[in-house]
Every structure is written in structure tokens, then in C-alpha cells.
Amino acid sequence: MGYPVNAPNELSAVLFSTEISNLTTTRQNIALPSGAKYATLSYRLLPGATATTSQMAKFCLNAASDADADARLATTGAYIPLYQGEDVTISAESGSLITRLDVIAAQAVGSEVTSLRIVGGL
């Protein structure tokens, strides 16, 4: 028999949720001072909107400062890509919870209508 294994997004936690409409190339910062056990990001084109070719969001976790976040989001391999229509769940160990999340659109989107939803557990 073995020990039970629960994914971090199945653990008991206080729910938080935020939404960014029409993500732009201006960096958005979500501060989670008490630390999140997990966060799920969903990036969607809203129904009826016209897509911008090759659109994606870029995000990074736990940047030390705004300058650190800007550098990570500008460096391939230092950010995590999130393409339209995708979801990603990031989990953290108890000693290194998610305290900051920074996100930008990879390119200007024009009249595109999008929603970036972040749901997680504190």
C-alpha cells in the first residue's frame, strides 16, 4: 500500500482568483505575500474576437524586483510561455511558495479581446 499522494492543486487551500482582460506588452504584477501553494493560468481569446497570429503570454515566478521580472520576461528560457487556449498549473513546495507572478503579452494585440485568468490556493 504506500503513502497517499495528492497533487498540490488538490490540497486544502484558500482560493484566490484574478483576471486580466486584454493583456498588453506592459508587465502586470500579481503579488501573493502569504505565498501560494499552486496557481493555474488560463489564457483565452474571448468568443467572437479575432485572433492575433502567434499570440502568447509570457510569465515568470518569484522575481526579486521589477527589474528582475523585466529581464526574465525578455530572456528566452527565463520565462514560461502560455499560448492562447492553453492552461498551465504551477505548484510549489512548502519552503518556496509562489509570492509573485509577472506576466506580459509577447506582442501588441491590437483589437484582440483576451482574458488571462489566474486561480490558485494560498
PDB file of N, CA and C in Angstrom:
ATOM      1  N   MET A   1       0.853  -1.173   0.000  1.00  0.00           N
ATOM      2  CA  MET A   1       0.000   0.000   0.000  1.00  0.00           C
ATOM      3  C   MET A   1       0.891   1.226   0.000  1.00  0.00           C
ATOM      4  N   GLY A   2       1.217   2.064   0.188  1.00  0.00           N
ATOM      5  CA  GLY A   2       2.094   3.202   0.175  1.00  0.00           C
ATOM      6  C   GLY A   2       1.409   4.436   0.715  1.00  0.00           C
ATOM      7  N   TYR A   3       2.137   5.457   0.764  1.00  0.00           N
ATOM      8  CA  TYR A   3       1.588   6.728   1.252  1.00  0.00           C
ATOM      9  C   TYR A   3       0.669   7.352   0.196  1.00  0.00           C
ATOM     10  N   PRO A   4      -0.379   8.037   0.634  1.00  0.00           N
ATOM     11  CA  PRO A   4      -1.230   8.714  -0.359  1.00  0.00           C
ATOM     12  C   PRO A   4      -0.465   9.871  -1.002  1.00  0.00           C
ATOM     13  N   VAL A   5      -0.691  10.082  -2.252  1.00  0.00           N
ATOM     14  CA  VAL A   5      -0.039  11.171  -2.977  1.00  0.00           C
ATOM     15  C   VAL A   5      -1.130  12.089  -3.519  1.00  0.00           C
ATOM     16  N   ASN A   6      -1.056  13.345  -3.139  1.00  0.00           N
ATOM     17  CA  ASN A   6      -2.011  14.335  -3.627  1.00  0.00           C
ATOM     18  C   ASN A   6      -1.258  15.396  -4.417  1.00  0.00           C
ATOM     19  N   ALA A   7      -1.772  15.726  -5.570  1.00  0.00           N
ATOM     20  CA  ALA A   7      -1.194  16.836  -6.331  1.00  0.00           C
ATOM     21  C   ALA A   7      -1.400  18.118  -5.533  1.00  0.00           C
ATOM     22  N   PRO A   8      -0.465  19.081  -5.622  1.00  0.00           N
ATOM     23  CA  PRO A   8      -0.604  20.326  -4.850  1.00  0.00           C
ATOM     24  C   PRO A   8      -1.922  21.055  -5.102  1.00  0.00           C
ATOM     25  N   ASN A   9      -2.461  20.977  -6.335  1.00  0.00           N
ATOM     26  CA  ASN A   9      -3.726  21.663  -6.601  1.00  0.00           C
ATOM     27  C   ASN A   9      -4.930  20.897  -6.063  1.00  0.00           C
ATOM     28  N   GLU A  10      -4.685  19.778  -5.354  1.00  0.00           N
ATOM     29  CA  GLU A  10      -5.760  19.047  -4.681  1.00  0.00           C
ATOM     30  C   GLU A  10      -5.663  19.183  -3.163  1.00  0.00           C
ATOM     31  N   LEU A  11      -4.704  19.954  -2.677  1.00  0.00           N
ATOM     32  CA  LEU A  11      -4.531  20.161  -1.246  1.00  0.00           C
ATOM     33  C   LEU A  11      -5.480  21.243  -0.750  1.00  0.00           C
ATOM     34  N   SER A  12      -5.770  21.211   0.521  1.00  0.00           N
ATOM     35  CA  SER A  12      -6.601  22.228   1.140  1.00  0.00           C
ATOM     36  C   SER A  12      -5.896  23.581   1.075  1.00  0.00           C
ATOM     37  N   ALA A  13      -6.605  24.597   0.625  1.00  0.00           N
ATOM     38  CA  ALA A  13      -6.022  25.932   0.492  1.00  0.00           C
ATOM     39  C   ALA A  13      -7.149  26.958   0.402  1.00  0.00           C
ATOM     40  N   VAL A  14      -6.805  28.212   0.650  1.00  0.00           N
ATOM     41  CA  VAL A  14      -7.750  29.315   0.488  1.00  0.00           C
ATOM     42  C   VAL A  14      -7.679  29.766  -0.968  1.00  0.00           C
ATOM     43  N   LEU A  15      -8.797  29.754  -1.662  1.00  0.00           N
ATOM     44  CA  LEU A  15      -8.853  30.078  -3.074  1.00  0.00           C
ATOM     45  C   LEU A  15      -8.620  31.559  -3.325  1.00  0.00           C
ATOM     46  N   PHE A  16      -7.832  31.874  -4.358  1.00  0.00           N
ATOM     47  CA  PHE A  16      -7.759  33.243  -4.859  1.00  0.00           C
ATOM     48  C   PHE A  16      -7.970  33.200  -6.362  1.00  0.00           C
ATOM     49  N   SER A  17      -8.444  34.293  -6.906  1.00  0.00           N
ATOM     50  CA  SER A  17      -8.693  34.369  -8.340  1.00  0.00           C
ATOM     51  C   SER A  17      -8.508  35.808  -8.798  1.00  0.00           C
ATOM     52  N   THR A  18      -7.909  35.964  -9.954  1.00  0.00           N
ATOM     53  CA  THR A  18      -7.787  37.287 -10.560  1.00  0.00           C
ATOM     54  C   THR A  18      -7.873  37.134 -12.067  1.00  0.00           C
ATOM     55  N   GLU A  19      -8.285  38.189 -12.739  1.00  0.00           N
ATOM     56  CA  GLU A  19      -8.406  38.164 -14.193  1.00  0.00           C
ATOM     57  C   GLU A  19      -7.815  39.434 -14.771  1.00  0.00           C
ATOM     58  N   ILE A  20      -7.064  39.276 -15.850  1.00  0.00           N
ATOM     59  CA  ILE A  20      -6.533  40.421 -16.583  1.00  0.00           C
ATOM     60  C   ILE A  20      -7.165  40.377 -17.963  1.00  0.00           C
ATOM     61  N   SER A  21      -7.945  41.399 -18.280  1.00  0.00           N
ATOM     62  CA  SER A  21      -8.582  41.479 -19.597  1.00  0.00           C
ATOM     63  C   SER A  21      -7.653  42.193 -20.566  1.00  0.00           C
ATOM     64  N   ASN A  22      -7.554  41.681 -21.773  1.00  0.00           N
ATOM     65  CA  ASN A  22      -6.778  42.311 -22.842  1.00  0.00           C
ATOM     66  C   ASN A  22      -5.339  42.574 -22.431  1.00  0.00           C
ATOM     67  N   LEU A  23      -4.646  41.513 -22.098  1.00  0.00           N
ATOM     68  CA  LEU A  23      -3.239  41.574 -21.711  1.00  0.00           C
ATOM     69  C   LEU A  23      -2.439  42.345 -22.758  1.00  0.00           C
ATOM     70  N   THR A  24      -1.509  43.186 -22.309  1.00  0.00           N
ATOM     71  CA  THR A  24      -0.693  44.004 -23.217  1.00  0.00           C
ATOM     72  C   THR A  24       0.787  43.703 -22.990  1.00  0.00           C
ATOM     73  N   THR A  25       1.632  44.442 -23.675  1.00  0.00           N
ATOM     74  CA  THR A  25       3.074  44.288 -23.511  1.00  0.00           C
ATOM     75  C   THR A  25       3.594  45.077 -22.309  1.00  0.00           C
ATOM     76  N   THR A  26       2.704  45.659 -21.530  1.00  0.00           N
ATOM     77  CA  THR A  26       3.077  46.280 -20.260  1.00  0.00           C
ATOM     78  C   THR A  26       2.989  45.217 -19.176  1.00  0.00           C
ATOM     79  N   ARG A  27       4.075  45.027 -18.455  1.00  0.00           N
ATOM     80  CA  ARG A  27       4.141  43.969 -17.447  1.00  0.00           C
ATOM     81  C   ARG A  27       3.094  44.179 -16.359  1.00  0.00           C
ATOM     82  N   GLN A  28       2.402  43.086 -16.021  1.00  0.00           N
ATOM     83  CA  GLN A  28       1.439  43.074 -14.921  1.00  0.00           C
ATOM     84  C   GLN A  28       2.043  42.256 -13.782  1.00  0.00           C
ATOM     85  N   ASN A  29       1.888  42.729 -12.561  1.00  0.00           N
ATOM     86  CA  ASN A  29       2.431  42.050 -11.387  1.00  0.00           C
ATOM     87  C   ASN A  29       1.299  41.617 -10.476  1.00  0.00           C
ATOM     88  N   ILE A  30       1.304  40.367 -10.075  1.00  0.00           N
ATOM     89  CA  ILE A  30       0.350  39.854  -9.098  1.00  0.00           C
ATOM     90  C   ILE A  30       1.158  39.450  -7.873  1.00  0.00           C
ATOM     91  N   ALA A  31       0.949  40.160  -6.771  1.00  0.00           N
ATOM     92  CA  ALA A  31       1.670  39.887  -5.527  1.00  0.00           C
ATOM     93  C   ALA A  31       0.845  38.945  -4.660  1.00  0.00           C
ATOM     94  N   LEU A  32       1.502  37.934  -4.123  1.00  0.00           N
ATOM     95  CA  LEU A  32       0.862  36.957  -3.238  1.00  0.00           C
ATOM     96  C   LEU A  32       1.709  36.873  -1.969  1.00  0.00           C
ATOM     97  N   PRO A  33       1.625  37.894  -1.108  1.00  0.00           N
ATOM     98  CA  PRO A  33       2.542  37.996   0.026  1.00  0.00           C
ATOM     99  C   PRO A  33       2.540  36.797   0.970  1.00  0.00           C
ATOM    100  N   SER A  34       1.399  36.124   1.136  1.00  0.00           N
ATOM    101  CA  SER A  34       1.379  34.972   2.040  1.00  0.00           C
ATOM    102  C   SER A  34       1.845  33.698   1.338  1.00  0.00           C
ATOM    103  N   GLY A  35       2.004  33.756   0.022  1.00  0.00           N
ATOM    104  CA  GLY A  35       2.515  32.623  -0.737  1.00  0.00           C
ATOM    105  C   GLY A  35       1.422  31.672  -1.178  1.00  0.00           C
ATOM    106  N   ALA A  36       1.479  31.260  -2.433  1.00  0.00           N
ATOM    107  CA  ALA A  36       0.508  30.323  -2.994  1.00  0.00           C
ATOM    108  C   ALA A  36       1.133  28.941  -3.116  1.00  0.00           C
ATOM    109  N   LYS A  37       0.328  27.919  -2.803  1.00  0.00           N
ATOM    110  CA  LYS A  37       0.765  26.532  -2.969  1.00  0.00           C
ATOM    111  C   LYS A  37       0.750  26.148  -4.446  1.00  0.00           C
ATOM    112  N   TYR A  38      -0.181  26.727  -5.187  1.00  0.00           N
ATOM    113  CA  TYR A  38      -0.292  26.452  -6.614  1.00  0.00           C
ATOM    114  C   TYR A  38      -1.024  27.592  -7.294  1.00  0.00           C
ATOM    115  N   ALA A  39      -0.848  27.695  -8.592  1.00  0.00           N
ATOM    116  CA  ALA A  39      -1.572  28.672  -9.406  1.00  0.00           C
ATOM    117  C   ALA A  39      -1.817  28.053 -10.776  1.00  0.00           C
ATOM    118  N   THR A  40      -3.031  28.220 -11.278  1.00  0.00           N
ATOM    119  CA  THR A  40      -3.375  27.780 -12.621  1.00  0.00           C
ATOM    120  C   THR A  40      -3.642  29.014 -13.468  1.00  0.00           C
ATOM    121  N   LEU A  41      -2.938  29.123 -14.589  1.00  0.00           N
ATOM    122  CA  LEU A  41      -3.122  30.238 -15.509  1.00  0.00           C
ATOM    123  C   LEU A  41      -3.823  29.734 -16.754  1.00  0.00           C
ATOM    124  N   SER A  42      -4.845  30.469 -17.202  1.00  0.00           N
ATOM    125  CA  SER A  42      -5.596  30.146 -18.420  1.00  0.00           C
ATOM    126  C   SER A  42      -5.615  31.387 -19.293  1.00  0.00           C
ATOM    127  N   TYR A  43      -5.228  31.244 -20.553  1.00  0.00           N
ATOM    128  CA  TYR A  43      -5.175  32.383 -21.478  1.00  0.00           C
ATOM    129  C   TYR A  43      -6.098  32.088 -22.642  1.00  0.00           C
ATOM    130  N   ARG A  44      -7.127  32.909 -22.807  1.00  0.00           N
ATOM    131  CA  ARG A  44      -8.158  32.635 -23.806  1.00  0.00           C
ATOM    132  C   ARG A  44      -8.474  33.856 -24.666  1.00  0.00           C
ATOM    133  N   LEU A  45      -8.773  33.567 -25.919  1.00  0.00           N
ATOM    134  CA  LEU A  45      -9.374  34.539 -26.819  1.00  0.00           C
ATOM    135  C   LEU A  45     -10.873  34.462 -26.566  1.00  0.00           C
ATOM    136  N   LEU A  46     -11.514  35.584 -26.305  1.00  0.00           N
ATOM    137  CA  LEU A  46     -12.937  35.546 -26.000  1.00  0.00           C
ATOM    138  C   LEU A  46     -13.766  35.270 -27.252  1.00  0.00           C
ATOM    139  N   PRO A  47     -14.942  34.644 -27.084  1.00  0.00           N
ATOM    140  CA  PRO A  47     -15.783  34.280 -28.234  1.00  0.00           C
ATOM    141  C   PRO A  47     -16.106  35.490 -29.108  1.00  0.00           C
ATOM    142  N   GLY A  48     -15.978  35.296 -30.404  1.00  0.00           N
ATOM    143  CA  GLY A  48     -16.298  36.346 -31.369  1.00  0.00           C
ATOM    144  C   GLY A  48     -15.140  37.274 -31.683  1.00  0.00           C
ATOM    145  N   ALA A  49     -14.052  37.192 -30.923  1.00  0.00           N
ATOM    146  CA  ALA A  49     -12.902  38.067 -31.157  1.00  0.00           C
ATOM    147  C   ALA A  49     -12.029  37.505 -32.277  1.00  0.00           C
ATOM    148  N   THR A  50     -11.279  38.381 -32.918  1.00  0.00           N
ATOM    149  CA  THR A  50     -10.360  37.979 -33.981  1.00  0.00           C
ATOM    150  C   THR A  50      -8.969  37.814 -33.393  1.00  0.00           C
ATOM    151  N   ALA A  51      -8.363  36.672 -33.626  1.00  0.00           N
ATOM    152  CA  ALA A  51      -7.056  36.364 -33.037  1.00  0.00           C
ATOM    153  C   ALA A  51      -5.930  37.109 -33.737  1.00  0.00           C
ATOM    154  N   THR A  52      -4.886  37.416 -32.966  1.00  0.00           N
ATOM    155  CA  THR A  52      -3.629  37.920 -33.497  1.00  0.00           C
ATOM    156  C   THR A  52      -2.732  36.708 -33.724  1.00  0.00           C
ATOM    157  N   THR A  53      -2.079  36.640 -34.852  1.00  0.00           N
ATOM    158  CA  THR A  53      -1.238  35.496 -35.194  1.00  0.00           C
ATOM    159  C   THR A  53      -0.132  35.291 -34.168  1.00  0.00           C
ATOM    160  N   SER A  54       0.069  34.043 -33.787  1.00  0.00           N
ATOM    161  CA  SER A  54       1.174  33.629 -32.907  1.00  0.00           C
ATOM    162  C   SER A  54       1.159  34.320 -31.544  1.00  0.00           C
ATOM    163  N   GLN A  55      -0.007  34.567 -31.002  1.00  0.00           N
ATOM    164  CA  GLN A  55      -0.085  35.270 -29.720  1.00  0.00           C
ATOM    165  C   GLN A  55       0.186  34.335 -28.558  1.00  0.00           C
ATOM    166  N   MET A  56       0.939  34.836 -27.599  1.00  0.00           N
ATOM    167  CA  MET A  56       1.183  34.097 -26.366  1.00  0.00           C
ATOM    168  C   MET A  56       1.453  35.085 -25.245  1.00  0.00           C
ATOM    169  N   ALA A  57       1.277  34.586 -24.032  1.00  0.00           N
ATOM    170  CA  ALA A  57       1.657  35.345 -22.840  1.00  0.00           C
ATOM    171  C   ALA A  57       2.973  34.761 -22.344  1.00  0.00           C
ATOM    172  N   LYS A  58       3.742  35.576 -21.641  1.00  0.00           N
ATOM    173  CA  LYS A  58       4.981  35.116 -21.015  1.00  0.00           C
ATOM    174  C   LYS A  58       4.865  35.446 -19.531  1.00  0.00           C
ATOM    175  N   PHE A  59       5.224  34.483 -18.676  1.00  0.00           N
ATOM    176  CA  PHE A  59       5.172  34.781 -17.250  1.00  0.00           C
ATOM    177  C   PHE A  59       6.383  34.211 -16.534  1.00  0.00           C
ATOM    178  N   CYS A  60       6.659  34.804 -15.377  1.00  0.00           N
ATOM    179  CA  CYS A  60       7.736  34.314 -14.526  1.00  0.00           C
ATOM    180  C   CYS A  60       7.267  34.386 -13.076  1.00  0.00           C
ATOM    181  N   LEU A  61       7.913  33.594 -12.244  1.00  0.00           N
ATOM    182  CA  LEU A  61       7.532  33.476 -10.839  1.00  0.00           C
ATOM    183  C   LEU A  61       8.622  34.008  -9.924  1.00  0.00           C
ATOM    184  N   ASN A  62       8.187  34.614  -8.829  1.00  0.00           N
ATOM    185  CA  ASN A  62       9.061  34.996  -7.717  1.00  0.00           C
ATOM    186  C   ASN A  62      10.258  35.844  -8.136  1.00  0.00           C
ATOM    187  N   ALA A  63      10.030  36.803  -9.030  1.00  0.00           N
ATOM    188  CA  ALA A  63      11.097  37.735  -9.387  1.00  0.00           C
ATOM    189  C   ALA A  63      11.467  38.552  -8.147  1.00  0.00           C
ATOM    190  N   ALA A  64      12.740  38.871  -8.013  1.00  0.00           N
ATOM    191  CA  ALA A  64      13.223  39.609  -6.845  1.00  0.00           C
ATOM    192  C   ALA A  64      12.836  41.084  -6.890  1.00  0.00           C
ATOM    193  N   SER A  65      12.593  41.622  -8.093  1.00  0.00           N
ATOM    194  CA  SER A  65      12.270  43.046  -8.251  1.00  0.00           C
ATOM    195  C   SER A  65      11.617  43.240  -9.613  1.00  0.00           C
ATOM    196  N   ASP A  66      11.160  44.462  -9.871  1.00  0.00           N
ATOM    197  CA  ASP A  66      10.610  44.770 -11.187  1.00  0.00           C
ATOM    198  C   ASP A  66      11.675  44.598 -12.268  1.00  0.00           C
ATOM    199  N   ALA A  67      12.899  45.024 -11.978  1.00  0.00           N
ATOM    200  CA  ALA A  67      13.996  44.888 -12.947  1.00  0.00           C
ATOM    201  C   ALA A  67      14.285  43.415 -13.238  1.00  0.00           C
ATOM    202  N   ASP A  68      14.250  42.587 -12.199  1.00  0.00           N
ATOM    203  CA  ASP A  68      14.460  41.151 -12.376  1.00  0.00           C
ATOM    204  C   ASP A  68      13.349  40.563 -13.239  1.00  0.00           C
ATOM    205  N   ALA A  69      12.102  40.946 -12.979  1.00  0.00           N
ATOM    206  CA  ALA A  69      10.968  40.458 -13.780  1.00  0.00           C
ATOM    207  C   ALA A  69      11.120  40.889 -15.230  1.00  0.00           C
ATOM    208  N   ASP A  70      11.473  42.155 -15.473  1.00  0.00           N
ATOM    209  CA  ASP A  70      11.652  42.642 -16.849  1.00  0.00           C
ATOM    210  C   ASP A  70      12.732  41.845 -17.571  1.00  0.00           C
ATOM    211  N   ALA A  71      13.836  41.576 -16.886  1.00  0.00           N
ATOM    212  CA  ALA A  71      14.934  40.812 -17.501  1.00  0.00           C
ATOM    213  C   ALA A  71      14.494  39.386 -17.814  1.00  0.00           C
ATOM    214  N   ARG A  72      13.801  38.745 -16.901  1.00  0.00           N
ATOM    215  CA  ARG A  72      13.342  37.369 -17.141  1.00  0.00           C
ATOM    216  C   ARG A  72      12.366  37.300 -18.308  1.00  0.00           C
ATOM    217  N   LEU A  73      11.433  38.256 -18.352  1.00  0.00           N
ATOM    218  CA  LEU A  73      10.409  38.239 -19.396  1.00  0.00           C
ATOM    219  C   LEU A  73      10.985  38.577 -20.773  1.00  0.00           C
ATOM    220  N   ALA A  74      12.189  39.111 -20.812  1.00  0.00           N
ATOM    221  CA  ALA A  74      12.842  39.445 -22.076  1.00  0.00           C
ATOM    222  C   ALA A  74      13.828  38.375 -22.528  1.00  0.00           C
ATOM    223  N   THR A  75      14.020  37.339 -21.712  1.00  0.00           N
ATOM    224  CA  THR A  75      15.051  36.335 -21.994  1.00  0.00           C
ATOM    225  C   THR A  75      14.430  34.964 -22.232  1.00  0.00           C
ATOM    226  N   THR A  76      14.582  34.453 -23.442  1.00  0.00           N
ATOM    227  CA  THR A  76      14.089  33.116 -23.753  1.00  0.00           C
ATOM    228  C   THR A  76      14.715  32.109 -22.792  1.00  0.00           C
ATOM    229  N   GLY A  77      13.891  31.259 -22.241  1.00  0.00           N
ATOM    230  CA  GLY A  77      14.356  30.273 -21.279  1.00  0.00           C
ATOM    231  C   GLY A  77      14.197  30.719 -19.834  1.00  0.00           C
ATOM    232  N   ALA A  78      14.011  32.016 -19.614  1.00  0.00           N
ATOM    233  CA  ALA A  78      13.826  32.531 -18.256  1.00  0.00           C
ATOM    234  C   ALA A  78      12.352  32.758 -17.935  1.00  0.00           C
ATOM    235  N   TYR A  79      11.512  32.740 -18.948  1.00  0.00           N
ATOM    236  CA  TYR A  79      10.065  32.876 -18.744  1.00  0.00           C
ATOM    237  C   TYR A  79       9.382  31.584 -19.171  1.00  0.00           C
ATOM    238  N   ILE A  80       8.112  31.460 -18.808  1.00  0.00           N
ATOM    239  CA  ILE A  80       7.302  30.311 -19.199  1.00  0.00           C
ATOM    240  C   ILE A  80       6.278  30.805 -20.221  1.00  0.00           C
ATOM    241  N   PRO A  81       6.247  30.235 -21.426  1.00  0.00           N
ATOM    242  CA  PRO A  81       5.260  30.665 -22.418  1.00  0.00           C
ATOM    243  C   PRO A  81       3.893  30.042 -22.144  1.00  0.00           C
ATOM    244  N   LEU A  82       2.855  30.809 -22.415  1.00  0.00           N
ATOM    245  CA  LEU A  82       1.475  30.330 -22.286  1.00  0.00           C
ATOM    246  C   LEU A  82       0.732  30.768 -23.543  1.00  0.00           C
ATOM    247  N   TYR A  83       0.447  29.815 -24.423  1.00  0.00           N
ATOM    248  CA  TYR A  83      -0.199  30.116 -25.700  1.00  0.00           C
ATOM    249  C   TYR A  83      -1.709  30.218 -25.517  1.00  0.00           C
ATOM    250  N   GLN A  84      -2.338  31.015 -26.370  1.00  0.00           N
ATOM    251  CA  GLN A  84      -3.791  31.156 -26.286  1.00  0.00           C
ATOM    252  C   GLN A  84      -4.452  29.791 -26.374  1.00  0.00           C
ATOM    253  N   GLY A  85      -5.425  29.583 -25.484  1.00  0.00           N
ATOM    254  CA  GLY A  85      -6.156  28.329 -25.456  1.00  0.00           C
ATOM    255  C   GLY A  85      -5.550  27.297 -24.526  1.00  0.00           C
ATOM    256  N   GLU A  86      -4.412  27.611 -23.934  1.00  0.00           N
ATOM    257  CA  GLU A  86      -3.753  26.663 -23.038  1.00  0.00           C
ATOM    258  C   GLU A  86      -3.949  27.044 -21.574  1.00  0.00           C
ATOM    259  N   ASP A  87      -3.741  26.059 -20.724  1.00  0.00           N
ATOM    260  CA  ASP A  87      -3.733  26.243 -19.271  1.00  0.00           C
ATOM    261  C   ASP A  87      -2.420  25.674 -18.757  1.00  0.00           C
ATOM    262  N   VAL A  88      -1.938  26.222 -17.671  1.00  0.00           N
ATOM    263  CA  VAL A  88      -0.762  25.642 -17.015  1.00  0.00           C
ATOM    264  C   VAL A  88      -0.957  25.767 -15.508  1.00  0.00           C
ATOM    265  N   THR A  89      -0.642  24.696 -14.791  1.00  0.00           N
ATOM    266  CA  THR A  89      -0.683  24.718 -13.328  1.00  0.00           C
ATOM    267  C   THR A  89       0.735  24.607 -12.805  1.00  0.00           C
ATOM    268  N   ILE A  90       1.088  25.534 -11.952  1.00  0.00           N
ATOM    269  CA  ILE A  90       2.403  25.564 -11.327  1.00  0.00           C
ATOM    270  C   ILE A  90       2.192  25.287  -9.844  1.00  0.00           C
ATOM    271  N   SER A  91       2.954  24.367  -9.299  1.00  0.00           N
ATOM    272  CA  SER A  91       2.849  24.078  -7.873  1.00  0.00           C
ATOM    273  C   SER A  91       4.175  24.376  -7.197  1.00  0.00           C
ATOM    274  N   ALA A  92       4.114  24.614  -5.902  1.00  0.00           N
ATOM    275  CA  ALA A  92       5.303  24.988  -5.151  1.00  0.00           C
ATOM    276  C   ALA A  92       5.431  24.127  -3.903  1.00  0.00           C
ATOM    277  N   GLU A  93       6.655  23.918  -3.488  1.00  0.00           N
ATOM    278  CA  GLU A  93       6.900  23.209  -2.239  1.00  0.00           C
ATOM    279  C   GLU A  93       6.677  24.168  -1.077  1.00  0.00           C
ATOM    280  N   SER A  94       6.435  23.638   0.099  1.00  0.00           N
ATOM    281  CA  SER A  94       6.104  24.473   1.251  1.00  0.00           C
ATOM    282  C   SER A  94       7.200  25.480   1.588  1.00  0.00           C
ATOM    283  N   GLY A  95       8.437  25.185   1.290  1.00  0.00           N
ATOM    284  CA  GLY A  95       9.526  26.110   1.604  1.00  0.00           C
ATOM    285  C   GLY A  95       9.766  27.177   0.557  1.00  0.00           C
ATOM    286  N   SER A  96       9.099  27.086  -0.592  1.00  0.00           N
ATOM    287  CA  SER A  96       9.318  28.066  -1.664  1.00  0.00           C
ATOM    288  C   SER A  96       8.006  28.362  -2.383  1.00  0.00           C
ATOM    289  N   LEU A  97       7.054  28.917  -1.648  1.00  0.00           N
ATOM    290  CA  LEU A  97       5.736  29.222  -2.202  1.00  0.00           C
ATOM    291  C   LEU A  97       5.820  30.306  -3.268  1.00  0.00           C
ATOM    292  N   ILE A  98       4.787  30.413  -4.077  1.00  0.00           N
ATOM    293  CA  ILE A  98       4.718  31.437  -5.126  1.00  0.00           C
ATOM    294  C   ILE A  98       4.278  32.748  -4.481  1.00  0.00           C
ATOM    295  N   THR A  99       5.155  33.741  -4.470  1.00  0.00           N
ATOM    296  CA  THR A  99       4.849  35.022  -3.834  1.00  0.00           C
ATOM    297  C   THR A  99       4.668  36.157  -4.835  1.00  0.00           C
ATOM    298  N   ARG A 100       5.062  35.906  -6.071  1.00  0.00           N
ATOM    299  CA  ARG A 100       4.956  36.956  -7.088  1.00  0.00           C
ATOM    300  C   ARG A 100       4.843  36.293  -8.446  1.00  0.00           C
ATOM    301  N   LEU A 101       3.996  36.863  -9.281  1.00  0.00           N
ATOM    302  CA  LEU A 101       3.812  36.377 -10.641  1.00  0.00           C
ATOM    303  C   LEU A 101       3.780  37.598 -11.552  1.00  0.00           C
ATOM    304  N   ASP A 102       4.633  37.621 -12.568  1.00  0.00           N
ATOM    305  CA  ASP A 102       4.669  38.720 -13.534  1.00  0.00           C
ATOM    306  C   ASP A 102       4.324  38.168 -14.903  1.00  0.00           C
ATOM    307  N   VAL A 103       3.545  38.924 -15.687  1.00  0.00           N
ATOM    308  CA  VAL A 103       3.069  38.430 -16.978  1.00  0.00           C
ATOM    309  C   VAL A 103       2.949  39.580 -17.969  1.00  0.00           C
ATOM    310  N   ILE A 104       3.250  39.281 -19.240  1.00  0.00           N
ATOM    311  CA  ILE A 104       3.070  40.232 -20.350  1.00  0.00           C
ATOM    312  C   ILE A 104       2.593  39.466 -21.578  1.00  0.00           C
ATOM    313  N   ALA A 105       2.043  40.195 -22.541  1.00  0.00           N
ATOM    314  CA  ALA A 105       1.772  39.627 -23.855  1.00  0.00           C
ATOM    315  C   ALA A 105       3.068  39.690 -24.652  1.00  0.00           C
ATOM    316  N   ALA A 106       3.308  38.691 -25.470  1.00  0.00           N
ATOM    317  CA  ALA A 106       4.553  38.638 -26.234  1.00  0.00           C
ATOM    318  C   ALA A 106       4.619  39.703 -27.322  1.00  0.00           C
ATOM    319  N   GLN A 107       3.457  40.154 -27.788  1.00  0.00           N
ATOM    320  CA  GLN A 107       3.423  41.178 -28.834  1.00  0.00           C
ATOM    321  C   GLN A 107       2.154  42.000 -28.685  1.00  0.00           C
ATOM    322  N   ALA A 108       2.145  43.174 -29.296  1.00  0.00           N
ATOM    323  CA  ALA A 108       0.958  44.026 -29.260  1.00  0.00           C
ATOM    324  C   ALA A 108      -0.204  43.285 -29.906  1.00  0.00           C
ATOM    325  N   VAL A 109      -1.394  43.418 -29.327  1.00  0.00           N
ATOM    326  CA  VAL A 109      -2.523  42.613 -29.795  1.00  0.00           C
ATOM    327  C   VAL A 109      -3.579  43.383 -30.569  1.00  0.00           C
ATOM    328  N   GLY A 110      -3.503  44.677 -30.634  1.00  0.00           N
ATOM    329  CA  GLY A 110      -4.487  45.436 -31.407  1.00  0.00           C
ATOM    330  C   GLY A 110      -5.878  45.314 -30.820  1.00  0.00           C
ATOM    331  N   SER A 111      -6.847  44.914 -31.639  1.00  0.00           N
ATOM    332  CA  SER A 111      -8.244  44.863 -31.195  1.00  0.00           C
ATOM    333  C   SER A 111      -8.634  43.500 -30.631  1.00  0.00           C
ATOM    334  N   GLU A 112      -7.692  42.608 -30.477  1.00  0.00           N
ATOM    335  CA  GLU A 112      -7.973  41.283 -29.935  1.00  0.00           C
ATOM    336  C   GLU A 112      -8.535  41.398 -28.514  1.00  0.00           C
ATOM    337  N   VAL A 113      -9.495  40.551 -28.170  1.00  0.00           N
ATOM    338  CA  VAL A 113     -10.111  40.569 -26.845  1.00  0.00           C
ATOM    339  C   VAL A 113      -9.758  39.257 -26.139  1.00  0.00           C
ATOM    340  N   THR A 114      -8.970  39.362 -25.068  1.00  0.00           N
ATOM    341  CA  THR A 114      -8.482  38.166 -24.381  1.00  0.00           C
ATOM    342  C   THR A 114      -8.765  38.239 -22.883  1.00  0.00           C
ATOM    343  N   SER A 115      -8.620  37.090 -22.247  1.00  0.00           N
ATOM    344  CA  SER A 115      -8.746  37.004 -20.799  1.00  0.00           C
ATOM    345  C   SER A 115      -7.644  36.084 -20.275  1.00  0.00           C
ATOM    346  N   LEU A 116      -6.886  36.586 -19.321  1.00  0.00           N
ATOM    347  CA  LEU A 116      -5.916  35.767 -18.607  1.00  0.00           C
ATOM    348  C   LEU A 116      -6.470  35.581 -17.201  1.00  0.00           C
ATOM    349  N   ARG A 117      -6.790  34.341 -16.865  1.00  0.00           N
ATOM    350  CA  ARG A 117      -7.369  34.036 -15.548  1.00  0.00           C
ATOM    351  C   ARG A 117      -6.325  33.290 -14.719  1.00  0.00           C
ATOM    352  N   ILE A 118      -6.173  33.731 -13.492  1.00  0.00           N
ATOM    353  CA  ILE A 118      -5.248  33.081 -12.564  1.00  0.00           C
ATOM    354  C   ILE A 118      -6.048  32.667 -11.343  1.00  0.00           C
ATOM    355  N   VAL A 119      -6.040  31.358 -11.066  1.00  0.00           N
ATOM    356  CA  VAL A 119      -6.748  30.802  -9.927  1.00  0.00           C
ATOM    357  C   VAL A 119      -5.737  29.957  -9.165  1.00  0.00           C
ATOM    358  N   GLY A 120      -5.748  30.062  -7.852  1.00  0.00           N
ATOM    359  CA  GLY A 120      -4.789  29.278  -7.081  1.00  0.00           C
ATOM    360  C   GLY A 120      -5.193  29.104  -5.645  1.00  0.00           C
ATOM    361  N   GLY A 121      -4.299  28.510  -4.890  1.00  0.00           N
ATOM    362  CA  GLY A 121      -4.556  28.242  -3.476  1.00  0.00           C
ATOM    363  C   GLY A 121      -3.454  28.785  -2.607  1.00  0.00           C
ATOM    364  N   LEU A 122      -3.874  29.547  -1.589  1.00  0.00           N
ATOM    365  CA  LEU A 122      -2.931  30.131  -0.633  1.00  0.00           C
ATOM    366  C   LEU A 122      -2.839  29.255   0.605  1.00  0.00           C
TER     367      LEU A 122
END
